Amino acid sequence: MSGPDRGAVLSADGTYRYSLTRSWPVDESTTTDPLRSVAWVMLNPSIADAQVDDPTIRRVVGFTRRLGYRRAVVVNLYAYRATKPRMLDEVVATGGDPVGPDNDAMLDVVLSEAGLVVAAWGAHEGTQDRVVRLRGLAAAHGHRLHCLGRTKAGHPRHPLYLPLLAPLEPLP
């Protein structure tokens, strides 16, 4: 079997990553509509791009395949590329824009094409406004958010360290 098709949408200067896509051929493990994707909504993008996977992206692909889909599209509450979530706070403190000028438009497009939306941003304070915006966009496309479990505080768990058989559940 060949490797996944890869894609990413970044800002011209590379500061923001608006989406990252991995897809693979339809095979016997694909149990859902082969044209539908899982939209993974995470906190912020790291180093992964059209050519490079990071451990989180490899994990997302594993979960997506386990769920029977052939395409994973990763979008974020904040499109600013940072290796540590605390860097988002630094961007805000210096007057920068961690969301990105095209992020909500990309979220809208990705959610309109998704068969399933999985919230996976983990626990990071200060995301409430973005979560409200995401819920509105998801509802506009008839989606209910799902997750792979929740933290004690009720945030959707980040997939990196979860077992591959972690159950999918609705996010209240």
N, C-alpha and C. Protein backbone atom coordinates (compact mmCIF):
# COMPACT_ATOMS: atom_id res chain seq x y z
N MET A 1 0.85 -1.17 0.00
CA MET A 1 0.00 0.00 0.00
C MET A 1 0.89 1.24 0.00
N SER A 2 0.53 2.21 -0.77
CA SER A 2 1.32 3.44 -0.83
C SER A 2 1.05 4.29 0.40
N GLY A 3 1.94 5.26 0.62
CA GLY A 3 1.81 6.16 1.76
C GLY A 3 0.68 7.14 1.57
N PRO A 4 0.44 7.93 2.60
CA PRO A 4 -0.67 8.87 2.54
C PRO A 4 -0.40 10.04 1.59
N ASP A 5 -1.50 10.57 1.02
CA ASP A 5 -1.41 11.85 0.33
C ASP A 5 -1.30 12.91 1.41
N ARG A 6 -0.52 13.95 1.14
CA ARG A 6 -0.23 14.95 2.16
C ARG A 6 -0.52 16.34 1.64
N GLY A 7 -1.01 17.18 2.52
CA GLY A 7 -1.24 18.57 2.15
C GLY A 7 -1.25 19.45 3.38
N ALA A 8 -0.99 20.71 3.18
CA ALA A 8 -1.05 21.69 4.26
C ALA A 8 -1.31 23.06 3.65
N VAL A 9 -2.04 23.87 4.38
CA VAL A 9 -2.27 25.26 3.98
C VAL A 9 -1.63 26.13 5.04
N LEU A 10 -0.59 26.86 4.61
CA LEU A 10 0.13 27.77 5.50
C LEU A 10 0.02 29.19 4.98
N SER A 11 0.22 30.15 5.88
CA SER A 11 0.29 31.54 5.44
C SER A 11 1.54 31.71 4.59
N ALA A 12 1.57 32.77 3.79
CA ALA A 12 2.70 32.99 2.88
C ALA A 12 4.03 33.03 3.62
N ASP A 13 4.04 33.56 4.83
CA ASP A 13 5.29 33.66 5.59
C ASP A 13 5.53 32.46 6.50
N GLY A 14 4.62 31.49 6.52
CA GLY A 14 4.79 30.29 7.33
C GLY A 14 4.46 30.46 8.80
N THR A 15 4.00 31.63 9.20
CA THR A 15 3.67 31.88 10.60
C THR A 15 2.46 31.07 11.06
N TYR A 16 1.51 30.91 10.16
CA TYR A 16 0.27 30.22 10.48
C TYR A 16 0.12 28.96 9.63
N ARG A 17 -0.40 27.91 10.26
CA ARG A 17 -0.82 26.74 9.50
C ARG A 17 -2.32 26.61 9.70
N TYR A 18 -3.05 26.71 8.60
CA TYR A 18 -4.50 26.69 8.67
C TYR A 18 -5.09 25.29 8.60
N SER A 19 -4.43 24.40 7.92
CA SER A 19 -4.90 23.02 7.89
C SER A 19 -3.77 22.10 7.48
N LEU A 20 -3.93 20.85 7.85
CA LEU A 20 -2.99 19.80 7.46
C LEU A 20 -3.84 18.58 7.13
N THR A 21 -3.58 17.97 5.98
CA THR A 21 -4.40 16.85 5.51
C THR A 21 -3.53 15.63 5.25
N ARG A 22 -4.04 14.49 5.67
CA ARG A 22 -3.45 13.21 5.33
C ARG A 22 -4.60 12.31 4.86
N SER A 23 -4.43 11.68 3.71
CA SER A 23 -5.45 10.75 3.22
C SER A 23 -4.75 9.55 2.61
N TRP A 24 -5.47 8.47 2.49
CA TRP A 24 -4.90 7.22 1.97
C TRP A 24 -5.98 6.54 1.15
N PRO A 25 -5.58 5.58 0.34
CA PRO A 25 -6.55 4.91 -0.54
C PRO A 25 -7.64 4.20 0.26
N VAL A 26 -8.80 4.10 -0.36
CA VAL A 26 -9.90 3.35 0.23
C VAL A 26 -9.52 1.87 0.21
N ASP A 27 -9.71 1.19 1.33
CA ASP A 27 -9.44 -0.24 1.39
C ASP A 27 -10.49 -0.89 2.30
N GLU A 28 -10.26 -2.12 2.64
CA GLU A 28 -11.24 -2.86 3.44
C GLU A 28 -11.43 -2.27 4.84
N SER A 29 -10.48 -1.45 5.33
CA SER A 29 -10.64 -0.87 6.66
C SER A 29 -11.49 0.40 6.64
N THR A 30 -11.81 0.91 5.46
CA THR A 30 -12.62 2.12 5.36
C THR A 30 -14.09 1.74 5.43
N THR A 31 -14.71 2.06 6.55
CA THR A 31 -16.10 1.66 6.76
C THR A 31 -17.09 2.81 6.62
N THR A 32 -16.60 4.01 6.44
CA THR A 32 -17.48 5.17 6.31
C THR A 32 -17.46 5.66 4.88
N ASP A 33 -18.25 6.67 4.61
CA ASP A 33 -18.26 7.29 3.29
C ASP A 33 -16.82 7.67 2.93
N PRO A 34 -16.26 7.11 1.85
CA PRO A 34 -14.86 7.34 1.53
C PRO A 34 -14.52 8.79 1.20
N LEU A 35 -15.53 9.60 0.94
CA LEU A 35 -15.25 11.01 0.63
C LEU A 35 -15.26 11.88 1.87
N ARG A 36 -15.68 11.34 3.01
CA ARG A 36 -15.76 12.13 4.23
C ARG A 36 -14.47 12.03 5.02
N SER A 37 -14.25 13.03 5.83
CA SER A 37 -13.02 13.08 6.61
C SER A 37 -13.35 13.27 8.08
N VAL A 38 -12.34 13.05 8.90
CA VAL A 38 -12.41 13.43 10.30
C VAL A 38 -11.70 14.77 10.43
N ALA A 39 -12.40 15.75 10.96
CA ALA A 39 -11.78 17.04 11.27
C ALA A 39 -11.32 16.97 12.72
N TRP A 40 -10.02 17.11 12.91
CA TRP A 40 -9.43 17.13 14.25
C TRP A 40 -9.17 18.58 14.60
N VAL A 41 -9.79 19.06 15.67
CA VAL A 41 -9.59 20.45 16.09
C VAL A 41 -8.69 20.44 17.32
N MET A 42 -7.49 20.95 17.12
CA MET A 42 -6.49 20.96 18.18
C MET A 42 -6.24 22.39 18.63
N LEU A 43 -5.28 22.59 19.52
CA LEU A 43 -5.02 23.92 20.06
C LEU A 43 -4.29 24.80 19.06
N ASN A 44 -3.10 24.37 18.67
CA ASN A 44 -2.28 25.13 17.72
C ASN A 44 -1.35 24.18 16.99
N PRO A 45 -0.95 24.56 15.78
CA PRO A 45 -0.06 23.69 15.01
C PRO A 45 1.39 23.78 15.48
N SER A 46 2.11 22.71 15.28
CA SER A 46 3.53 22.67 15.60
C SER A 46 4.31 22.61 14.29
N ILE A 47 5.27 21.71 14.19
CA ILE A 47 6.19 21.69 13.05
C ILE A 47 5.68 20.94 11.84
N ALA A 48 4.67 20.11 12.01
CA ALA A 48 4.20 19.30 10.87
C ALA A 48 3.73 20.20 9.73
N ASP A 49 4.02 19.74 8.51
CA ASP A 49 3.58 20.48 7.32
C ASP A 49 3.24 19.46 6.24
N ALA A 50 3.19 19.88 5.00
CA ALA A 50 2.80 18.97 3.93
C ALA A 50 3.75 17.78 3.81
N GLN A 51 5.00 17.93 4.18
CA GLN A 51 5.99 16.86 4.03
C GLN A 51 6.37 16.18 5.33
N VAL A 52 6.29 16.89 6.45
CA VAL A 52 6.81 16.40 7.72
C VAL A 52 5.67 16.08 8.69
N ASP A 53 5.69 14.86 9.23
CA ASP A 53 4.76 14.49 10.29
C ASP A 53 5.47 14.67 11.63
N ASP A 54 4.70 14.99 12.65
CA ASP A 54 5.24 14.95 14.00
C ASP A 54 4.49 13.84 14.74
N PRO A 55 4.87 13.52 15.97
CA PRO A 55 4.21 12.41 16.67
C PRO A 55 2.69 12.58 16.80
N THR A 56 2.23 13.80 16.98
CA THR A 56 0.79 14.03 17.10
C THR A 56 0.08 13.67 15.80
N ILE A 57 0.62 14.09 14.67
CA ILE A 57 -0.02 13.80 13.39
C ILE A 57 -0.03 12.29 13.13
N ARG A 58 1.06 11.61 13.45
CA ARG A 58 1.07 10.16 13.28
C ARG A 58 -0.02 9.51 14.14
N ARG A 59 -0.22 10.03 15.33
CA ARG A 59 -1.25 9.49 16.22
C ARG A 59 -2.66 9.76 15.66
N VAL A 60 -2.87 10.98 15.16
CA VAL A 60 -4.16 11.35 14.57
C VAL A 60 -4.49 10.44 13.39
N VAL A 61 -3.51 10.15 12.56
CA VAL A 61 -3.73 9.24 11.43
C VAL A 61 -4.15 7.86 11.94
N GLY A 62 -3.49 7.38 12.98
CA GLY A 62 -3.85 6.08 13.55
C GLY A 62 -5.28 6.05 14.05
N PHE A 63 -5.69 7.08 14.78
CA PHE A 63 -7.07 7.14 15.26
C PHE A 63 -8.05 7.24 14.10
N THR A 64 -7.73 8.05 13.11
CA THR A 64 -8.63 8.23 11.97
C THR A 64 -8.85 6.91 11.25
N ARG A 65 -7.79 6.18 11.03
CA ARG A 65 -7.90 4.87 10.37
C ARG A 65 -8.71 3.90 11.23
N ARG A 66 -8.46 3.91 12.53
CA ARG A 66 -9.21 3.03 13.43
C ARG A 66 -10.70 3.33 13.38
N LEU A 67 -11.06 4.60 13.21
CA LEU A 67 -12.46 5.00 13.14
C LEU A 67 -13.10 4.70 11.79
N GLY A 68 -12.29 4.22 10.83
CA GLY A 68 -12.82 3.80 9.55
C GLY A 68 -12.87 4.88 8.48
N TYR A 69 -12.18 5.98 8.70
CA TYR A 69 -12.15 7.06 7.71
C TYR A 69 -10.86 6.99 6.91
N ARG A 70 -10.84 7.62 5.76
CA ARG A 70 -9.65 7.60 4.90
C ARG A 70 -8.97 8.96 4.81
N ARG A 71 -9.45 9.93 5.58
CA ARG A 71 -8.86 11.26 5.49
C ARG A 71 -8.94 11.96 6.85
N ALA A 72 -7.81 12.49 7.28
CA ALA A 72 -7.74 13.30 8.49
C ALA A 72 -7.37 14.72 8.10
N VAL A 73 -8.13 15.68 8.61
CA VAL A 73 -7.81 17.08 8.39
C VAL A 73 -7.66 17.72 9.77
N VAL A 74 -6.47 18.24 10.03
CA VAL A 74 -6.19 18.86 11.32
C VAL A 74 -6.29 20.37 11.17
N VAL A 75 -7.15 20.96 12.00
CA VAL A 75 -7.27 22.41 12.10
C VAL A 75 -7.10 22.75 13.57
N ASN A 76 -7.04 24.03 13.87
CA ASN A 76 -6.72 24.45 15.23
C ASN A 76 -7.55 25.63 15.67
N LEU A 77 -7.74 25.73 16.99
CA LEU A 77 -8.37 26.93 17.54
C LEU A 77 -7.53 28.16 17.22
N TYR A 78 -6.22 27.98 17.26
CA TYR A 78 -5.25 29.04 16.96
C TYR A 78 -4.32 28.53 15.87
N ALA A 79 -4.14 29.28 14.81
CA ALA A 79 -3.33 28.82 13.68
C ALA A 79 -1.85 29.17 13.81
N TYR A 80 -1.47 29.93 14.83
CA TYR A 80 -0.06 30.32 15.02
C TYR A 80 0.77 29.07 15.29
N ARG A 81 1.84 28.90 14.52
CA ARG A 81 2.69 27.72 14.67
C ARG A 81 3.65 27.92 15.84
N ALA A 82 3.56 27.03 16.82
CA ALA A 82 4.39 27.13 18.02
C ALA A 82 4.61 25.73 18.57
N THR A 83 5.81 25.47 19.04
CA THR A 83 6.11 24.15 19.58
C THR A 83 5.60 23.97 21.01
N LYS A 84 5.32 25.06 21.69
CA LYS A 84 4.80 25.00 23.06
C LYS A 84 3.55 25.87 23.16
N PRO A 85 2.49 25.38 23.77
CA PRO A 85 1.27 26.18 23.88
C PRO A 85 1.48 27.52 24.58
N ARG A 86 2.41 27.60 25.53
CA ARG A 86 2.63 28.87 26.23
C ARG A 86 3.10 29.97 25.28
N MET A 87 3.63 29.58 24.12
CA MET A 87 4.05 30.59 23.14
C MET A 87 2.85 31.38 22.62
N LEU A 88 1.66 30.80 22.66
CA LEU A 88 0.46 31.54 22.26
C LEU A 88 0.24 32.73 23.19
N ASP A 89 0.45 32.51 24.49
CA ASP A 89 0.29 33.59 25.46
C ASP A 89 1.31 34.70 25.21
N GLU A 90 2.52 34.32 24.81
CA GLU A 90 3.55 35.30 24.50
C GLU A 90 3.16 36.13 23.28
N VAL A 91 2.55 35.50 22.29
CA VAL A 91 2.09 36.23 21.10
C VAL A 91 1.05 37.27 21.50
N VAL A 92 0.10 36.86 22.34
CA VAL A 92 -0.94 37.78 22.80
C VAL A 92 -0.32 38.92 23.60
N ALA A 93 0.63 38.60 24.49
CA ALA A 93 1.26 39.61 25.34
C ALA A 93 2.00 40.67 24.54
N THR A 94 2.47 40.31 23.36
CA THR A 94 3.20 41.27 22.52
C THR A 94 2.30 41.90 21.46
N GLY A 95 0.99 41.70 21.58
CA GLY A 95 0.05 42.32 20.64
C GLY A 95 -0.15 41.57 19.35
N GLY A 96 0.35 40.34 19.27
CA GLY A 96 0.20 39.55 18.06
C GLY A 96 -1.15 38.86 17.97
N ASP A 97 -1.37 38.18 16.87
CA ASP A 97 -2.63 37.48 16.61
C ASP A 97 -2.38 35.98 16.55
N PRO A 98 -2.69 35.24 17.61
CA PRO A 98 -2.47 33.79 17.57
C PRO A 98 -3.51 33.04 16.74
N VAL A 99 -4.66 33.65 16.47
CA VAL A 99 -5.72 32.97 15.73
C VAL A 99 -5.37 32.86 14.25
N GLY A 100 -4.91 33.95 13.66
CA GLY A 100 -4.60 33.98 12.24
C GLY A 100 -5.75 34.55 11.44
N PRO A 101 -5.45 35.39 10.45
CA PRO A 101 -6.50 36.09 9.70
C PRO A 101 -7.42 35.19 8.89
N ASP A 102 -6.97 34.01 8.52
CA ASP A 102 -7.79 33.12 7.68
C ASP A 102 -8.27 31.87 8.42
N ASN A 103 -8.07 31.82 9.73
CA ASN A 103 -8.36 30.59 10.46
C ASN A 103 -9.85 30.25 10.51
N ASP A 104 -10.69 31.21 10.81
CA ASP A 104 -12.12 30.90 10.91
C ASP A 104 -12.69 30.47 9.56
N ALA A 105 -12.22 31.08 8.49
CA ALA A 105 -12.68 30.68 7.15
C ALA A 105 -12.27 29.23 6.87
N MET A 106 -11.05 28.85 7.25
CA MET A 106 -10.61 27.47 7.05
C MET A 106 -11.41 26.51 7.92
N LEU A 107 -11.65 26.87 9.17
CA LEU A 107 -12.48 26.02 10.03
C LEU A 107 -13.84 25.78 9.40
N ASP A 108 -14.43 26.82 8.85
CA ASP A 108 -15.75 26.71 8.22
C ASP A 108 -15.72 25.74 7.05
N VAL A 109 -14.72 25.84 6.20
CA VAL A 109 -14.62 24.95 5.04
C VAL A 109 -14.41 23.51 5.49
N VAL A 110 -13.48 23.30 6.40
CA VAL A 110 -13.17 21.94 6.84
C VAL A 110 -14.38 21.30 7.53
N LEU A 111 -15.06 22.05 8.37
CA LEU A 111 -16.24 21.50 9.05
C LEU A 111 -17.36 21.20 8.07
N SER A 112 -17.46 21.98 7.01
CA SER A 112 -18.52 21.74 6.02
C SER A 112 -18.30 20.43 5.27
N GLU A 113 -17.06 19.96 5.20
CA GLU A 113 -16.73 18.75 4.46
C GLU A 113 -16.54 17.52 5.35
N ALA A 114 -16.57 17.70 6.66
CA ALA A 114 -16.24 16.61 7.58
C ALA A 114 -17.42 15.68 7.82
N GLY A 115 -17.09 14.41 8.03
CA GLY A 115 -18.08 13.44 8.46
C GLY A 115 -18.13 13.33 9.97
N LEU A 116 -17.06 13.75 10.63
CA LEU A 116 -16.94 13.67 12.09
C LEU A 116 -16.00 14.78 12.53
N VAL A 117 -16.31 15.41 13.66
CA VAL A 117 -15.45 16.46 14.21
C VAL A 117 -15.00 16.01 15.60
N VAL A 118 -13.68 15.91 15.78
CA VAL A 118 -13.10 15.48 17.05
C VAL A 118 -12.35 16.65 17.68
N ALA A 119 -12.78 17.05 18.86
CA ALA A 119 -12.10 18.08 19.64
C ALA A 119 -10.92 17.43 20.34
N ALA A 120 -9.75 18.04 20.24
CA ALA A 120 -8.54 17.40 20.78
C ALA A 120 -7.51 18.43 21.22
N TRP A 121 -7.97 19.55 21.80
CA TRP A 121 -7.03 20.63 22.11
C TRP A 121 -6.40 20.53 23.49
N GLY A 122 -6.81 19.59 24.31
CA GLY A 122 -6.18 19.45 25.61
C GLY A 122 -6.59 20.58 26.55
N ALA A 123 -5.88 20.69 27.65
CA ALA A 123 -6.19 21.69 28.67
C ALA A 123 -5.28 22.89 28.51
N HIS A 124 -5.85 24.00 28.10
CA HIS A 124 -5.11 25.27 27.99
C HIS A 124 -6.08 26.37 28.36
N GLU A 125 -5.72 27.15 29.34
CA GLU A 125 -6.60 28.23 29.80
C GLU A 125 -6.74 29.30 28.72
N GLY A 126 -7.86 29.97 28.72
CA GLY A 126 -8.06 31.09 27.82
C GLY A 126 -8.60 30.72 26.46
N THR A 127 -9.11 29.51 26.29
CA THR A 127 -9.61 29.10 24.97
C THR A 127 -11.12 29.29 24.82
N GLN A 128 -11.80 29.73 25.87
CA GLN A 128 -13.26 29.72 25.87
C GLN A 128 -13.87 30.46 24.67
N ASP A 129 -13.37 31.64 24.33
CA ASP A 129 -13.93 32.37 23.19
C ASP A 129 -13.79 31.58 21.89
N ARG A 130 -12.65 30.95 21.72
CA ARG A 130 -12.42 30.16 20.51
C ARG A 130 -13.31 28.91 20.49
N VAL A 131 -13.51 28.30 21.64
CA VAL A 131 -14.37 27.12 21.71
C VAL A 131 -15.81 27.50 21.38
N VAL A 132 -16.27 28.64 21.88
CA VAL A 132 -17.62 29.11 21.55
C VAL A 132 -17.74 29.32 20.04
N ARG A 133 -16.73 29.92 19.43
CA ARG A 133 -16.74 30.14 17.98
C ARG A 133 -16.79 28.80 17.24
N LEU A 134 -15.95 27.85 17.66
CA LEU A 134 -15.93 26.53 17.03
C LEU A 134 -17.29 25.84 17.15
N ARG A 135 -17.88 25.87 18.32
CA ARG A 135 -19.18 25.22 18.51
C ARG A 135 -20.23 25.82 17.58
N GLY A 136 -20.17 27.14 17.39
CA GLY A 136 -21.10 27.79 16.47
C GLY A 136 -20.91 27.32 15.04
N LEU A 137 -19.66 27.24 14.61
CA LEU A 137 -19.37 26.77 13.25
C LEU A 137 -19.78 25.31 13.08
N ALA A 138 -19.48 24.49 14.08
CA ALA A 138 -19.85 23.07 14.00
C ALA A 138 -21.37 22.92 13.92
N ALA A 139 -22.09 23.65 14.75
CA ALA A 139 -23.56 23.57 14.75
C ALA A 139 -24.13 24.02 13.41
N ALA A 140 -23.52 25.02 12.80
CA ALA A 140 -24.00 25.52 11.50
C ALA A 140 -23.90 24.44 10.42
N HIS A 141 -23.01 23.48 10.62
CA HIS A 141 -22.85 22.38 9.65
C HIS A 141 -23.46 21.08 10.16
N GLY A 142 -24.25 21.16 11.23
CA GLY A 142 -24.95 19.99 11.74
C GLY A 142 -24.08 19.02 12.53
N HIS A 143 -22.95 19.49 13.03
CA HIS A 143 -22.04 18.61 13.77
C HIS A 143 -22.18 18.76 15.27
N ARG A 144 -22.03 17.66 15.94
CA ARG A 144 -21.83 17.63 17.38
C ARG A 144 -20.35 17.30 17.58
N LEU A 145 -19.70 17.99 18.50
CA LEU A 145 -18.29 17.70 18.76
C LEU A 145 -18.14 16.39 19.53
N HIS A 146 -17.09 15.66 19.19
CA HIS A 146 -16.73 14.43 19.88
C HIS A 146 -15.31 14.59 20.42
N CYS A 147 -14.90 13.66 21.27
CA CYS A 147 -13.54 13.68 21.81
C CYS A 147 -13.13 12.26 22.17
N LEU A 148 -11.87 12.12 22.53
CA LEU A 148 -11.32 10.82 22.95
C LEU A 148 -11.13 10.82 24.46
N GLY A 149 -12.12 11.31 25.16
CA GLY A 149 -12.05 11.42 26.61
C GLY A 149 -11.81 12.86 27.02
N ARG A 150 -12.05 13.11 28.32
CA ARG A 150 -11.90 14.47 28.84
C ARG A 150 -10.98 14.49 30.04
N THR A 151 -10.36 15.65 30.25
CA THR A 151 -9.53 15.86 31.43
C THR A 151 -10.45 16.01 32.64
N LYS A 152 -9.87 16.06 33.83
CA LYS A 152 -10.66 16.26 35.04
C LYS A 152 -11.44 17.56 34.98
N ALA A 153 -10.89 18.55 34.29
CA ALA A 153 -11.57 19.85 34.15
C ALA A 153 -12.57 19.87 33.00
N GLY A 154 -12.70 18.75 32.28
CA GLY A 154 -13.69 18.66 31.21
C GLY A 154 -13.20 19.02 29.82
N HIS A 155 -11.92 19.33 29.68
CA HIS A 155 -11.37 19.65 28.36
C HIS A 155 -11.18 18.37 27.55
N PRO A 156 -11.31 18.44 26.22
CA PRO A 156 -11.07 17.25 25.40
C PRO A 156 -9.59 16.87 25.44
N ARG A 157 -9.32 15.62 25.60
CA ARG A 157 -7.93 15.16 25.70
C ARG A 157 -7.19 15.29 24.37
N HIS A 158 -5.91 15.58 24.48
CA HIS A 158 -5.01 15.60 23.32
C HIS A 158 -4.69 14.14 22.98
N PRO A 159 -4.62 13.77 21.71
CA PRO A 159 -4.48 12.36 21.35
C PRO A 159 -3.09 11.75 21.52
N LEU A 160 -2.07 12.55 21.72
CA LEU A 160 -0.70 12.03 21.63
C LEU A 160 -0.44 10.85 22.55
N TYR A 161 -0.86 10.92 23.79
CA TYR A 161 -0.52 9.85 24.73
C TYR A 161 -1.70 8.95 25.08
N LEU A 162 -2.75 9.02 24.30
CA LEU A 162 -3.90 8.15 24.54
C LEU A 162 -3.71 6.80 23.86
N PRO A 163 -4.27 5.74 24.43
CA PRO A 163 -4.20 4.44 23.75
C PRO A 163 -5.01 4.49 22.45
N LEU A 164 -4.56 3.77 21.45
CA LEU A 164 -5.22 3.78 20.15
C LEU A 164 -6.68 3.32 20.24
N LEU A 165 -7.01 2.57 21.26
CA LEU A 165 -8.39 2.11 21.43
C LEU A 165 -9.22 3.04 22.32
N ALA A 166 -8.72 4.23 22.62
CA ALA A 166 -9.49 5.19 23.42
C ALA A 166 -10.85 5.40 22.76
N PRO A 167 -11.92 5.31 23.54
CA PRO A 167 -13.26 5.42 22.94
C PRO A 167 -13.61 6.85 22.55
N LEU A 168 -14.31 6.95 21.46
CA LEU A 168 -14.84 8.23 20.99
C LEU A 168 -16.13 8.50 21.77
N GLU A 169 -16.29 9.72 22.25
CA GLU A 169 -17.50 10.08 23.00
C GLU A 169 -17.92 11.50 22.65
N PRO A 170 -19.20 11.80 22.82
CA PRO A 170 -19.66 13.18 22.58
C PRO A 170 -19.01 14.13 23.59
N LEU A 171 -18.68 15.32 23.16
CA LEU A 171 -18.16 16.35 24.05
C LEU A 171 -19.33 17.22 24.48
N PRO A 172 -19.66 17.21 25.77
CA PRO A 172 -20.81 18.01 26.23
C PRO A 172 -20.62 19.50 25.95
